[in-house]
Amino acid sequence: ACRGEDRTFKSSAGCRSGPCEQQCSDVDGGFKCSCVRGYRTDLLDPRRCRQFCGEGSCPALCEGERCSCPDGFVLSGRTCEDVDECEMGQCSEGCVNSFGSFMCFCPEGFRLHNEVQCVPVRPAGSSTTPAAEPVSKNGTLKVSTVPEGVFLWIWVVVAVTLVASVVLIRFYVVKRQQRNQPPAAPAEDATGS
C-alpha cells in the first residue's frame, strides 16, 4: 500500500457521507480512503488523491488543452517526464534520483543537514548534538528551480536580440527615407549660362 493509504478514519456513517475523493471502504467503526491507478493518497489530506507517476514518464492530466503533471515531473506535450533533480546539483555530495523525487546521502564521517547538505560529524564529547542518520528528501524540487548561470545567459540573449532589433529597425528607416526623398535637381551652372 502507498503511504497514507492505511489510515483509518473513525466515523459512524462510514462511507455513506462520501468522505473520500475517489474510493472508500467501510471498516469497523469508520472508513478507509484509497485511490484509483495513477493516483495515491495525499500525505497532507489522506481523503484526497494526487496524481502519481511511478515510472520515468506517464500521461499528463489534461482538461481540454490545459495539462498538468505531479510534483517532480515536467510537461512534454501531453506526457509527464521525470525531472532528474540530481542533475540540478541540489545535494552537496551524493544523490540518487527516483521517479518524482530524489535522495541525498553523505560519505562516512559526514551527516545530512537540511536534507541536502553534508556536514562533518563532530567527534564524541565535542558536541551535545548526536550524529544524525542520513535522511532522504522525499519531496521534490519545484519546477522554478533553475541551475546557476541560466539567468545570465537569458539576459545576454535578450540584450543581443534587442541590439540586433534596433540596428535592423534603424537600417530599415534609413532605407525608407532614402527611397522617399525626391531625386536631387541638377545644380544650376554658377556662370548663369
Protein backbone atom coordinates (compact mmCIF):
# COMPACT_ATOMS: atom_id res chain seq x y z
CA ALA A 1 0.00 0.00 0.00
CA CYS A 2 1.16 3.52 -0.69
CA ARG A 3 1.95 5.96 2.06
CA GLY A 4 -1.16 7.31 3.75
CA GLU A 5 -3.48 4.58 2.42
CA ASP A 6 -3.51 2.62 5.69
CA ARG A 7 -5.09 5.45 7.66
CA THR A 8 -8.49 4.59 9.12
CA PHE A 9 -10.92 7.40 9.88
CA LYS A 10 -13.42 6.95 12.71
CA SER A 11 -17.00 7.61 11.66
CA SER A 12 -20.32 6.02 12.47
CA ALA A 13 -21.58 6.95 8.98
CA GLY A 14 -18.69 5.17 7.26
CA CYS A 15 -18.62 5.72 3.50
CA ARG A 16 -22.29 6.84 3.27
CA SER A 17 -21.34 10.52 3.56
CA GLY A 18 -18.90 10.29 0.64
CA PRO A 19 -15.83 11.36 2.60
CA CYS A 20 -13.21 10.14 0.12
CA GLU A 21 -12.29 11.81 -3.14
CA GLN A 22 -12.09 8.56 -5.15
CA GLN A 23 -12.64 5.25 -3.34
CA CYS A 24 -13.98 4.45 0.13
CA SER A 25 -14.02 1.17 2.09
CA ASP A 26 -16.12 0.66 5.22
CA VAL A 27 -14.19 -0.82 8.15
CA ASP A 28 -15.22 -1.45 11.77
CA GLY A 29 -16.07 1.92 13.28
CA GLY A 30 -15.04 4.00 10.29
CA PHE A 31 -13.70 4.03 6.76
CA LYS A 32 -10.51 4.00 4.67
CA CYS A 33 -9.86 6.05 1.55
CA SER A 34 -7.92 4.79 -1.46
CA CYS A 35 -7.18 5.95 -4.99
CA VAL A 36 -7.53 4.54 -8.48
CA ARG A 37 -4.48 3.55 -10.53
CA GLY A 38 -2.28 6.51 -11.41
CA TYR A 39 -3.10 8.28 -8.14
CA ARG A 40 -2.12 7.93 -4.49
CA THR A 41 -3.47 9.40 -1.30
CA ASP A 42 -2.29 12.89 -0.45
CA LEU A 43 0.10 12.88 2.51
CA LEU A 44 -1.42 16.06 3.94
CA ASP A 45 -5.05 15.03 3.42
CA PRO A 46 -5.45 11.23 3.09
CA ARG A 47 -9.08 11.67 1.98
CA ARG A 48 -7.88 13.26 -1.26
CA CYS A 49 -5.85 11.76 -4.13
CA ARG A 50 -2.88 13.16 -6.04
CA GLN A 51 -1.68 12.12 -9.46
CA PHE A 52 1.20 9.66 -9.10
CA CYS A 53 3.66 8.51 -11.72
CA GLY A 54 5.77 5.54 -10.66
CA GLU A 55 7.69 5.46 -13.94
CA GLY A 56 10.00 7.75 -15.91
CA SER A 57 7.06 9.11 -17.86
CA CYS A 58 3.29 8.92 -17.71
CA PRO A 59 0.28 10.59 -19.35
CA ALA A 60 -0.42 14.16 -18.27
CA LEU A 61 -3.66 15.02 -16.52
CA CYS A 62 -5.43 17.19 -19.10
CA GLU A 63 -8.64 19.20 -19.08
CA GLY A 64 -9.10 20.43 -22.63
CA GLU A 65 -5.82 22.00 -23.73
CA ARG A 66 -4.58 22.60 -20.17
CA CYS A 67 -2.39 19.78 -18.82
CA SER A 68 -0.57 19.22 -15.53
CA CYS A 69 1.92 16.79 -14.02
CA PRO A 70 2.63 15.58 -10.49
CA ASP A 71 5.46 17.17 -8.49
CA GLY A 72 8.88 16.09 -9.75
CA PHE A 73 7.71 15.79 -13.37
CA VAL A 74 7.62 18.29 -16.24
CA LEU A 75 5.14 18.53 -19.07
CA SER A 76 6.34 17.46 -22.51
CA GLY A 77 3.41 17.67 -24.92
CA ARG A 78 0.74 15.57 -23.22
CA THR A 79 3.27 13.42 -21.33
CA CYS A 80 4.89 13.95 -17.93
CA GLU A 81 8.66 13.32 -17.87
CA ASP A 82 10.66 12.74 -14.67
CA VAL A 83 12.87 15.64 -13.55
CA ASP A 84 16.37 14.46 -12.64
CA GLU A 85 16.87 16.59 -9.53
CA CYS A 86 20.39 15.18 -9.12
CA GLU A 87 21.49 16.90 -12.36
CA MET A 88 20.49 20.22 -10.77
CA GLY A 89 23.19 19.79 -8.13
CA GLN A 90 20.91 20.15 -5.11
CA CYS A 91 22.86 17.63 -2.99
CA SER A 92 26.29 18.68 -1.72
CA GLU A 93 27.69 15.14 -2.05
CA GLY A 94 25.81 12.05 -3.23
CA CYS A 95 22.41 11.95 -4.88
CA VAL A 96 20.03 9.22 -6.03
CA ASN A 97 17.22 10.21 -8.40
CA SER A 98 13.88 8.41 -8.23
CA PHE A 99 10.66 8.93 -10.13
CA GLY A 100 9.26 12.25 -8.96
CA SER A 101 11.77 12.61 -6.14
CA PHE A 102 15.41 12.30 -5.05
CA MET A 103 17.53 11.43 -2.02
CA CYS A 104 20.80 12.97 -0.84
CA PHE A 105 23.44 10.98 1.04
CA CYS A 106 26.82 11.69 2.63
CA PRO A 107 30.15 9.86 2.81
CA GLU A 108 31.37 8.34 6.07
CA GLY A 109 32.25 10.97 8.66
CA PHE A 110 29.56 13.36 7.45
CA ARG A 111 25.85 13.71 8.15
CA LEU A 112 22.99 15.23 6.19
CA HIS A 113 21.94 18.74 7.25
CA ASN A 114 18.81 20.47 5.85
CA GLU A 115 18.19 17.31 3.79
CA VAL A 116 20.68 18.34 1.06
CA GLN A 117 23.99 19.45 2.63
CA CYS A 118 26.68 17.21 4.16
CA VAL A 119 28.41 18.50 7.29
CA PRO A 120 31.22 16.84 9.30
CA VAL A 121 30.16 14.68 12.22
CA ARG A 122 31.69 16.08 15.41
CA PRO A 123 33.77 13.66 17.47
CA ALA A 124 32.13 12.26 20.62
CA GLY A 125 32.28 14.68 23.53
CA SER A 126 32.76 17.80 21.39
CA SER A 127 29.07 18.46 20.93
CA THR A 128 25.83 17.77 22.71
CA THR A 129 24.11 17.14 19.38
CA PRO A 130 24.13 13.44 18.46
CA ALA A 131 25.20 12.45 14.96
CA ALA A 132 22.10 12.01 12.82
CA GLU A 133 21.43 9.26 10.37
CA PRO A 134 21.11 10.39 6.76
CA VAL A 135 17.58 11.41 5.92
CA SER A 136 16.05 11.34 2.46
CA LYS A 137 14.33 14.30 0.90
CA ASN A 138 11.19 12.53 -0.15
CA GLY A 139 9.63 15.54 -1.77
CA THR A 140 10.82 17.10 -4.94
CA LEU A 141 12.02 20.39 -6.28
CA LYS A 142 9.64 22.87 -7.73
CA VAL A 143 9.91 23.42 -11.46
CA SER A 144 11.01 27.01 -10.82
CA THR A 145 14.42 25.83 -9.60
CA VAL A 146 16.92 26.98 -12.22
CA PRO A 147 20.59 25.96 -12.42
CA GLU A 148 23.18 28.65 -11.68
CA GLY A 149 24.16 30.80 -14.68
CA VAL A 150 20.96 30.32 -16.67
CA PHE A 151 19.69 33.82 -15.87
CA LEU A 152 22.96 35.36 -17.11
CA TRP A 153 22.55 33.60 -20.46
CA ILE A 154 18.93 34.71 -20.68
CA TRP A 155 19.99 38.35 -20.17
CA VAL A 156 22.79 38.01 -22.77
CA VAL A 157 20.36 36.60 -25.34
CA VAL A 158 17.79 39.33 -24.60
CA ALA A 159 20.45 42.07 -24.89
CA VAL A 160 21.85 40.73 -28.19
CA THR A 161 18.34 40.37 -29.60
CA LEU A 162 17.47 43.92 -28.55
CA VAL A 163 20.63 45.41 -30.10
CA ALA A 164 20.10 43.46 -33.33
CA SER A 165 16.48 44.65 -33.48
CA VAL A 166 17.49 48.32 -33.03
CA VAL A 167 20.14 48.03 -35.78
CA LEU A 168 17.67 46.35 -38.14
CA ILE A 169 14.96 48.96 -37.49
CA ARG A 170 17.45 51.82 -37.99
CA PHE A 171 18.63 50.30 -41.29
CA TYR A 172 15.01 49.95 -42.46
CA VAL A 173 14.15 53.58 -41.52
CA VAL A 174 17.23 54.99 -43.33
CA LYS A 175 16.47 52.95 -46.49
CA ARG A 176 12.86 54.11 -46.46
CA GLN A 177 13.87 57.77 -46.06
CA GLN A 178 16.29 57.47 -48.97
CA ARG A 179 13.58 55.94 -51.13
CA ASN A 180 11.03 58.67 -50.27
CA GLN A 181 13.35 61.63 -50.99
CA PRO A 182 12.82 63.20 -54.41
CA PRO A 183 15.80 62.93 -56.72
CA ALA A 184 18.15 65.90 -56.44
CA ALA A 185 17.57 68.54 -59.14
CA PRO A 186 20.58 69.23 -61.36
CA ALA A 187 22.56 72.12 -59.94
CA GLU A 188 22.49 75.37 -61.94
CA ASP A 189 25.67 76.42 -63.51
CA ALA A 190 27.41 79.07 -61.42
CA THR A 191 28.15 81.18 -64.52
CA GLY A 192 24.50 81.72 -65.15
CA SER A 193 24.54 80.19 -68.59
